[in-house]
Amino acid sequence: MTRAPTDLPTSRLKGQDAATYLGLSHSTLEKMRHTGRGPRYLKVGGRVFYRQSDLDAYLEAAVVETTDSRTRAG
């Protein structure tokens, strides 16, 4: 039985879904991928997918510590 596109595992997202997850437009995510600035991705048969764990790691790496946030944490 062939799986419908909507049945993809949630851990593997298409570009539009990954962009939504990150709060970006799909075109911005594509540009980031082409310039090597975006999150890690999978390329399977010419199609691009993103693992949710890679998107989460990308977001975590984007956290900026400010002096104020360090003061509250300590």
PDB file of N, CA and C in Angstrom:
ATOM      1  N   MET A   1       0.842  -1.183   0.000  1.00  0.00           N
ATOM      2  CA  MET A   1       0.000   0.000   0.000  1.00  0.00           C
ATOM      3  C   MET A   1       0.886   1.245   0.000  1.00  0.00           C
ATOM      4  N   THR A   2       0.591   2.207  -0.833  1.00  0.00           N
ATOM      5  CA  THR A   2       1.343   3.448  -0.917  1.00  0.00           C
ATOM      6  C   THR A   2       0.843   4.416   0.142  1.00  0.00           C
ATOM      7  N   ARG A   3       1.791   5.044   0.812  1.00  0.00           N
ATOM      8  CA  ARG A   3       1.422   6.008   1.859  1.00  0.00           C
ATOM      9  C   ARG A   3       1.115   7.347   1.227  1.00  0.00           C
ATOM     10  N   ALA A   4       0.083   7.971   1.703  1.00  0.00           N
ATOM     11  CA  ALA A   4      -0.262   9.319   1.254  1.00  0.00           C
ATOM     12  C   ALA A   4       0.726  10.300   1.872  1.00  0.00           C
ATOM     13  N   PRO A   5       1.019  11.425   1.188  1.00  0.00           N
ATOM     14  CA  PRO A   5       1.968  12.412   1.721  1.00  0.00           C
ATOM     15  C   PRO A   5       1.627  12.901   3.118  1.00  0.00           C
ATOM     16  N   THR A   6       0.354  12.915   3.467  1.00  0.00           N
ATOM     17  CA  THR A   6      -0.028  13.408   4.790  1.00  0.00           C
ATOM     18  C   THR A   6       0.295  12.398   5.881  1.00  0.00           C
ATOM     19  N   ASP A   7       0.700  11.170   5.487  1.00  0.00           N
ATOM     20  CA  ASP A   7       1.012  10.143   6.470  1.00  0.00           C
ATOM     21  C   ASP A   7       2.493  10.104   6.837  1.00  0.00           C
ATOM     22  N   LEU A   8       3.268  11.109   6.421  1.00  0.00           N
ATOM     23  CA  LEU A   8       4.687  11.130   6.756  1.00  0.00           C
ATOM     24  C   LEU A   8       4.863  11.191   8.257  1.00  0.00           C
ATOM     25  N   PRO A   9       5.905  10.544   8.755  1.00  0.00           N
ATOM     26  CA  PRO A   9       6.158  10.650  10.194  1.00  0.00           C
ATOM     27  C   PRO A   9       6.383  12.101  10.596  1.00  0.00           C
ATOM     28  N   THR A  10       5.938  12.467  11.780  1.00  0.00           N
ATOM     29  CA  THR A  10       6.105  13.851  12.221  1.00  0.00           C
ATOM     30  C   THR A  10       7.564  14.198  12.437  1.00  0.00           C
ATOM     31  N   SER A  11       8.424  13.186  12.568  1.00  0.00           N
ATOM     32  CA  SER A  11       9.845  13.476  12.761  1.00  0.00           C
ATOM     33  C   SER A  11      10.524  13.845  11.446  1.00  0.00           C
ATOM     34  N   ARG A  12       9.862  13.647  10.316  1.00  0.00           N
ATOM     35  CA  ARG A  12      10.404  14.006   9.005  1.00  0.00           C
ATOM     36  C   ARG A  12       9.411  14.937   8.317  1.00  0.00           C
ATOM     37  N   LEU A  13       9.816  16.181   8.133  1.00  0.00           N
ATOM     38  CA  LEU A  13       8.909  17.202   7.613  1.00  0.00           C
ATOM     39  C   LEU A  13       9.313  17.663   6.228  1.00  0.00           C
ATOM     40  N   LYS A  14       8.333  17.984   5.406  1.00  0.00           N
ATOM     41  CA  LYS A  14       8.591  18.605   4.111  1.00  0.00           C
ATOM     42  C   LYS A  14       8.989  20.059   4.357  1.00  0.00           C
ATOM     43  N   GLY A  15       9.527  20.707   3.329  1.00  0.00           N
ATOM     44  CA  GLY A  15      10.021  22.069   3.451  1.00  0.00           C
ATOM     45  C   GLY A  15       9.011  23.057   3.994  1.00  0.00           C
ATOM     46  N   GLN A  16       7.785  23.022   3.479  1.00  0.00           N
ATOM     47  CA  GLN A  16       6.758  23.969   3.940  1.00  0.00           C
ATOM     48  C   GLN A  16       6.443  23.760   5.415  1.00  0.00           C
ATOM     49  N   ASP A  17       6.327  22.493   5.820  1.00  0.00           N
ATOM     50  CA  ASP A  17       6.035  22.199   7.227  1.00  0.00           C
ATOM     51  C   ASP A  17       7.209  22.581   8.129  1.00  0.00           C
ATOM     52  N   ALA A  18       8.429  22.359   7.651  1.00  0.00           N
ATOM     53  CA  ALA A  18       9.613  22.735   8.421  1.00  0.00           C
ATOM     54  C   ALA A  18       9.687  24.252   8.576  1.00  0.00           C
ATOM     55  N   ALA A  19       9.375  24.971   7.503  1.00  0.00           N
ATOM     56  CA  ALA A  19       9.391  26.433   7.562  1.00  0.00           C
ATOM     57  C   ALA A  19       8.376  26.936   8.575  1.00  0.00           C
ATOM     58  N   THR A  20       7.188  26.360   8.552  1.00  0.00           N
ATOM     59  CA  THR A  20       6.150  26.743   9.512  1.00  0.00           C
ATOM     60  C   THR A  20       6.623  26.458  10.931  1.00  0.00           C
ATOM     61  N   TYR A  21       7.237  25.314  11.151  1.00  0.00           N
ATOM     62  CA  TYR A  21       7.749  24.927  12.464  1.00  0.00           C
ATOM     63  C   TYR A  21       8.763  25.948  12.977  1.00  0.00           C
ATOM     64  N   LEU A  22       9.598  26.465  12.057  1.00  0.00           N
ATOM     65  CA  LEU A  22      10.627  27.438  12.435  1.00  0.00           C
ATOM     66  C   LEU A  22      10.106  28.868  12.471  1.00  0.00           C
ATOM     67  N   GLY A  23       8.894  29.100  11.956  1.00  0.00           N
ATOM     68  CA  GLY A  23       8.354  30.456  11.908  1.00  0.00           C
ATOM     69  C   GLY A  23       8.918  31.259  10.748  1.00  0.00           C
ATOM     70  N   LEU A  24       9.297  30.571   9.665  1.00  0.00           N
ATOM     71  CA  LEU A  24       9.864  31.210   8.486  1.00  0.00           C
ATOM     72  C   LEU A  24       8.968  30.966   7.282  1.00  0.00           C
ATOM     73  N   SER A  25       9.186  31.728   6.223  1.00  0.00           N
ATOM     74  CA  SER A  25       8.497  31.420   4.975  1.00  0.00           C
ATOM     75  C   SER A  25       9.257  30.284   4.297  1.00  0.00           C
ATOM     76  N   HIS A  26       8.554  29.569   3.440  1.00  0.00           N
ATOM     77  CA  HIS A  26       9.187  28.458   2.722  1.00  0.00           C
ATOM     78  C   HIS A  26      10.333  28.969   1.852  1.00  0.00           C
ATOM     79  N   SER A  27      10.159  30.113   1.211  1.00  0.00           N
ATOM     80  CA  SER A  27      11.222  30.641   0.348  1.00  0.00           C
ATOM     81  C   SER A  27      12.458  31.034   1.157  1.00  0.00           C
ATOM     82  N   THR A  28      12.264  31.554   2.353  1.00  0.00           N
ATOM     83  CA  THR A  28      13.405  31.896   3.210  1.00  0.00           C
ATOM     84  C   THR A  28      14.174  30.641   3.598  1.00  0.00           C
ATOM     85  N   LEU A  29      13.451  29.580   3.967  1.00  0.00           N
ATOM     86  CA  LEU A  29      14.116  28.328   4.324  1.00  0.00           C
ATOM     87  C   LEU A  29      14.877  27.760   3.129  1.00  0.00           C
ATOM     88  N   GLU A  30      14.304  27.844   1.933  1.00  0.00           N
ATOM     89  CA  GLU A  30      14.996  27.381   0.726  1.00  0.00           C
ATOM     90  C   GLU A  30      16.274  28.176   0.474  1.00  0.00           C
ATOM     91  N   LYS A  31      16.196  29.493   0.615  1.00  0.00           N
ATOM     92  CA  LYS A  31      17.379  30.335   0.423  1.00  0.00           C
ATOM     93  C   LYS A  31      18.461  29.990   1.442  1.00  0.00           C
ATOM     94  N   MET A  32      18.045  29.770   2.668  1.00  0.00           N
ATOM     95  CA  MET A  32      19.000  29.405   3.711  1.00  0.00           C
ATOM     96  C   MET A  32      19.677  28.084   3.382  1.00  0.00           C
ATOM     97  N   ARG A  33      18.915  27.123   2.863  1.00  0.00           N
ATOM     98  CA  ARG A  33      19.482  25.830   2.495  1.00  0.00           C
ATOM     99  C   ARG A  33      20.491  25.984   1.362  1.00  0.00           C
ATOM    100  N   HIS A  34      20.152  26.771   0.365  1.00  0.00           N
ATOM    101  CA  HIS A  34      21.029  26.950  -0.792  1.00  0.00           C
ATOM    102  C   HIS A  34      22.324  27.682  -0.443  1.00  0.00           C
ATOM    103  N   THR A  35      22.284  28.525   0.572  1.00  0.00           N
ATOM    104  CA  THR A  35      23.488  29.250   0.974  1.00  0.00           C
ATOM    105  C   THR A  35      24.224  28.568   2.131  1.00  0.00           C
ATOM    106  N   GLY A  36      23.703  27.422   2.589  1.00  0.00           N
ATOM    107  CA  GLY A  36      24.364  26.675   3.655  1.00  0.00           C
ATOM    108  C   GLY A  36      24.178  27.254   5.037  1.00  0.00           C
ATOM    109  N   ARG A  37      23.167  28.101   5.220  1.00  0.00           N
ATOM    110  CA  ARG A  37      22.946  28.735   6.524  1.00  0.00           C
ATOM    111  C   ARG A  37      21.816  28.089   7.316  1.00  0.00           C
ATOM    112  N   GLY A  38      21.050  27.231   6.720  1.00  0.00           N
ATOM    113  CA  GLY A  38      19.872  26.675   7.379  1.00  0.00           C
ATOM    114  C   GLY A  38      20.165  25.433   8.188  1.00  0.00           C
ATOM    115  N   PRO A  39      19.102  24.819   8.702  1.00  0.00           N
ATOM    116  CA  PRO A  39      19.262  23.593   9.483  1.00  0.00           C
ATOM    117  C   PRO A  39      19.660  22.417   8.599  1.00  0.00           C
ATOM    118  N   ARG A  40      20.165  21.375   9.212  1.00  0.00           N
ATOM    119  CA  ARG A  40      20.493  20.142   8.490  1.00  0.00           C
ATOM    120  C   ARG A  40      19.238  19.605   7.826  1.00  0.00           C
ATOM    121  N   TYR A  41      19.428  18.895   6.722  1.00  0.00           N
ATOM    122  CA  TYR A  41      18.284  18.326   6.007  1.00  0.00           C
ATOM    123  C   TYR A  41      18.666  17.000   5.370  1.00  0.00           C
ATOM    124  N   LEU A  42      17.656  16.278   4.931  1.00  0.00           N
ATOM    125  CA  LEU A  42      17.832  15.010   4.229  1.00  0.00           C
ATOM    126  C   LEU A  42      17.467  15.224   2.776  1.00  0.00           C
ATOM    127  N   LYS A  43      18.181  14.589   1.873  1.00  0.00           N
ATOM    128  CA  LYS A  43      17.825  14.645   0.462  1.00  0.00           C
ATOM    129  C   LYS A  43      17.653  13.208  -0.001  1.00  0.00           C
ATOM    130  N   VAL A  44      16.426  12.842  -0.318  1.00  0.00           N
ATOM    131  CA  VAL A  44      16.085  11.486  -0.707  1.00  0.00           C
ATOM    132  C   VAL A  44      15.438  11.533  -2.083  1.00  0.00           C
ATOM    133  N   GLY A  45      16.100  10.959  -3.067  1.00  0.00           N
ATOM    134  CA  GLY A  45      15.542  10.938  -4.416  1.00  0.00           C
ATOM    135  C   GLY A  45      15.245  12.321  -4.963  1.00  0.00           C
ATOM    136  N   GLY A  46      16.083  13.287  -4.612  1.00  0.00           N
ATOM    137  CA  GLY A  46      15.875  14.651  -5.086  1.00  0.00           C
ATOM    138  C   GLY A  46      14.891  15.455  -4.258  1.00  0.00           C
ATOM    139  N   ARG A  47      14.273  14.836  -3.291  1.00  0.00           N
ATOM    140  CA  ARG A  47      13.327  15.542  -2.419  1.00  0.00           C
ATOM    141  C   ARG A  47      14.006  15.894  -1.103  1.00  0.00           C
ATOM    142  N   VAL A  48      13.625  17.017  -0.546  1.00  0.00           N
ATOM    143  CA  VAL A  48      14.245  17.515   0.685  1.00  0.00           C
ATOM    144  C   VAL A  48      13.283  17.327   1.853  1.00  0.00           C
ATOM    145  N   PHE A  49      13.816  16.793   2.934  1.00  0.00           N
ATOM    146  CA  PHE A  49      13.065  16.626   4.167  1.00  0.00           C
ATOM    147  C   PHE A  49      13.902  17.148   5.330  1.00  0.00           C
ATOM    148  N   TYR A  50      13.230  17.511   6.397  1.00  0.00           N
ATOM    149  CA  TYR A  50      13.897  17.966   7.616  1.00  0.00           C
ATOM    150  C   TYR A  50      13.443  17.084   8.768  1.00  0.00           C
ATOM    151  N   ARG A  51      14.396  16.674   9.598  1.00  0.00           N
ATOM    152  CA  ARG A  51      14.036  15.937  10.809  1.00  0.00           C
ATOM    153  C   ARG A  51      13.715  16.952  11.899  1.00  0.00           C
ATOM    154  N   GLN A  52      12.692  16.656  12.658  1.00  0.00           N
ATOM    155  CA  GLN A  52      12.290  17.575  13.724  1.00  0.00           C
ATOM    156  C   GLN A  52      13.430  17.769  14.716  1.00  0.00           C
ATOM    157  N   SER A  53      14.193  16.735  14.980  1.00  0.00           N
ATOM    158  CA  SER A  53      15.313  16.860  15.920  1.00  0.00           C
ATOM    159  C   SER A  53      16.358  17.847  15.397  1.00  0.00           C
ATOM    160  N   ASP A  54      16.583  17.888  14.071  1.00  0.00           N
ATOM    161  CA  ASP A  54      17.533  18.846  13.500  1.00  0.00           C
ATOM    162  C   ASP A  54      16.993  20.268  13.568  1.00  0.00           C
ATOM    163  N   LEU A  55      15.682  20.420  13.393  1.00  0.00           N
ATOM    164  CA  LEU A  55      15.074  21.749  13.505  1.00  0.00           C
ATOM    165  C   LEU A  55      15.173  22.253  14.945  1.00  0.00           C
ATOM    166  N   ASP A  56      14.925  21.347  15.898  1.00  0.00           N
ATOM    167  CA  ASP A  56      15.031  21.726  17.312  1.00  0.00           C
ATOM    168  C   ASP A  56      16.471  22.125  17.658  1.00  0.00           C
ATOM    169  N   ALA A  57      17.452  21.383  17.129  1.00  0.00           N
ATOM    170  CA  ALA A  57      18.860  21.706  17.382  1.00  0.00           C
ATOM    171  C   ALA A  57      19.218  23.057  16.763  1.00  0.00           C
ATOM    172  N   TYR A  58      18.686  23.329  15.584  1.00  0.00           N
ATOM    173  CA  TYR A  58      18.927  24.609  14.917  1.00  0.00           C
ATOM    174  C   TYR A  58      18.367  25.763  15.754  1.00  0.00           C
ATOM    175  N   LEU A  59      17.165  25.575  16.273  1.00  0.00           N
ATOM    176  CA  LEU A  59      16.564  26.608  17.126  1.00  0.00           C
ATOM    177  C   LEU A  59      17.357  26.794  18.415  1.00  0.00           C
ATOM    178  N   GLU A  60      17.793  25.700  19.005  1.00  0.00           N
ATOM    179  CA  GLU A  60      18.564  25.783  20.252  1.00  0.00           C
ATOM    180  C   GLU A  60      19.879  26.523  20.029  1.00  0.00           C
ATOM    181  N   ALA A  61      20.500  26.303  18.876  1.00  0.00           N
ATOM    182  CA  ALA A  61      21.761  26.973  18.559  1.00  0.00           C
ATOM    183  C   ALA A  61      21.561  28.466  18.311  1.00  0.00           C
ATOM    184  N   ALA A  62      20.328  28.865  18.029  1.00  0.00           N
ATOM    185  CA  ALA A  62      20.040  30.267  17.745  1.00  0.00           C
ATOM    186  C   ALA A  62      19.731  31.078  19.007  1.00  0.00           C
ATOM    187  N   VAL A  63      19.706  30.415  20.159  1.00  0.00           N
ATOM    188  CA  VAL A  63      19.416  31.115  21.415  1.00  0.00           C
ATOM    189  C   VAL A  63      20.548  32.084  21.711  1.00  0.00           C
ATOM    190  N   VAL A  64      20.175  33.308  22.021  1.00  0.00           N
ATOM    191  CA  VAL A  64      21.151  34.346  22.349  1.00  0.00           C
ATOM    192  C   VAL A  64      21.022  34.660  23.828  1.00  0.00           C
ATOM    193  N   GLU A  65      22.120  34.525  24.540  1.00  0.00           N
ATOM    194  CA  GLU A  65      22.141  34.862  25.963  1.00  0.00           C
ATOM    195  C   GLU A  65      22.413  36.348  26.116  1.00  0.00           C
ATOM    196  N   THR A  66      21.573  37.007  26.846  1.00  0.00           N
ATOM    197  CA  THR A  66      21.798  38.413  27.161  1.00  0.00           C
ATOM    198  C   THR A  66      22.275  38.519  28.602  1.00  0.00           C
ATOM    199  N   THR A  67      22.828  39.649  28.949  1.00  0.00           N
ATOM    200  CA  THR A  67      23.281  39.865  30.320  1.00  0.00           C
ATOM    201  C   THR A  67      22.113  39.698  31.280  1.00  0.00           C
ATOM    202  N   ASP A  68      20.960  40.215  30.909  1.00  0.00           N
ATOM    203  CA  ASP A  68      19.779  40.134  31.758  1.00  0.00           C
ATOM    204  C   ASP A  68      19.338  38.697  31.958  1.00  0.00           C
ATOM    205  N   SER A  69      19.333  37.879  30.916  1.00  0.00           N
ATOM    206  CA  SER A  69      18.871  36.495  31.041  1.00  0.00           C
ATOM    207  C   SER A  69      19.850  35.674  31.876  1.00  0.00           C
ATOM    208  N   ARG A  70      21.136  35.964  31.809  1.00  0.00           N
ATOM    209  CA  ARG A  70      22.126  35.257  32.621  1.00  0.00           C
ATOM    210  C   ARG A  70      21.956  35.614  34.094  1.00  0.00           C
ATOM    211  N   THR A  71      21.611  36.843  34.386  1.00  0.00           N
ATOM    212  CA  THR A  71      21.430  37.286  35.762  1.00  0.00           C
ATOM    213  C   THR A  71      20.240  36.559  36.390  1.00  0.00           C
ATOM    214  N   ARG A  72      19.155  36.430  35.652  1.00  0.00           N
ATOM    215  CA  ARG A  72      17.958  35.757  36.177  1.00  0.00           C
ATOM    216  C   ARG A  72      18.199  34.269  36.404  1.00  0.00           C
ATOM    217  N   ALA A  73      19.003  33.634  35.549  1.00  0.00           N
ATOM    218  CA  ALA A  73      19.227  32.190  35.644  1.00  0.00           C
ATOM    219  C   ALA A  73      20.133  31.840  36.823  1.00  0.00           C
ATOM    220  N   GLY A  74      21.009  32.731  37.228  1.00  0.00           N
ATOM    221  CA  GLY A  74      22.026  32.405  38.217  1.00  0.00           C
ATOM    222  C   GLY A  74      21.681  32.728  39.586  1.00  0.00           C
TER     223      GLY A  74
END
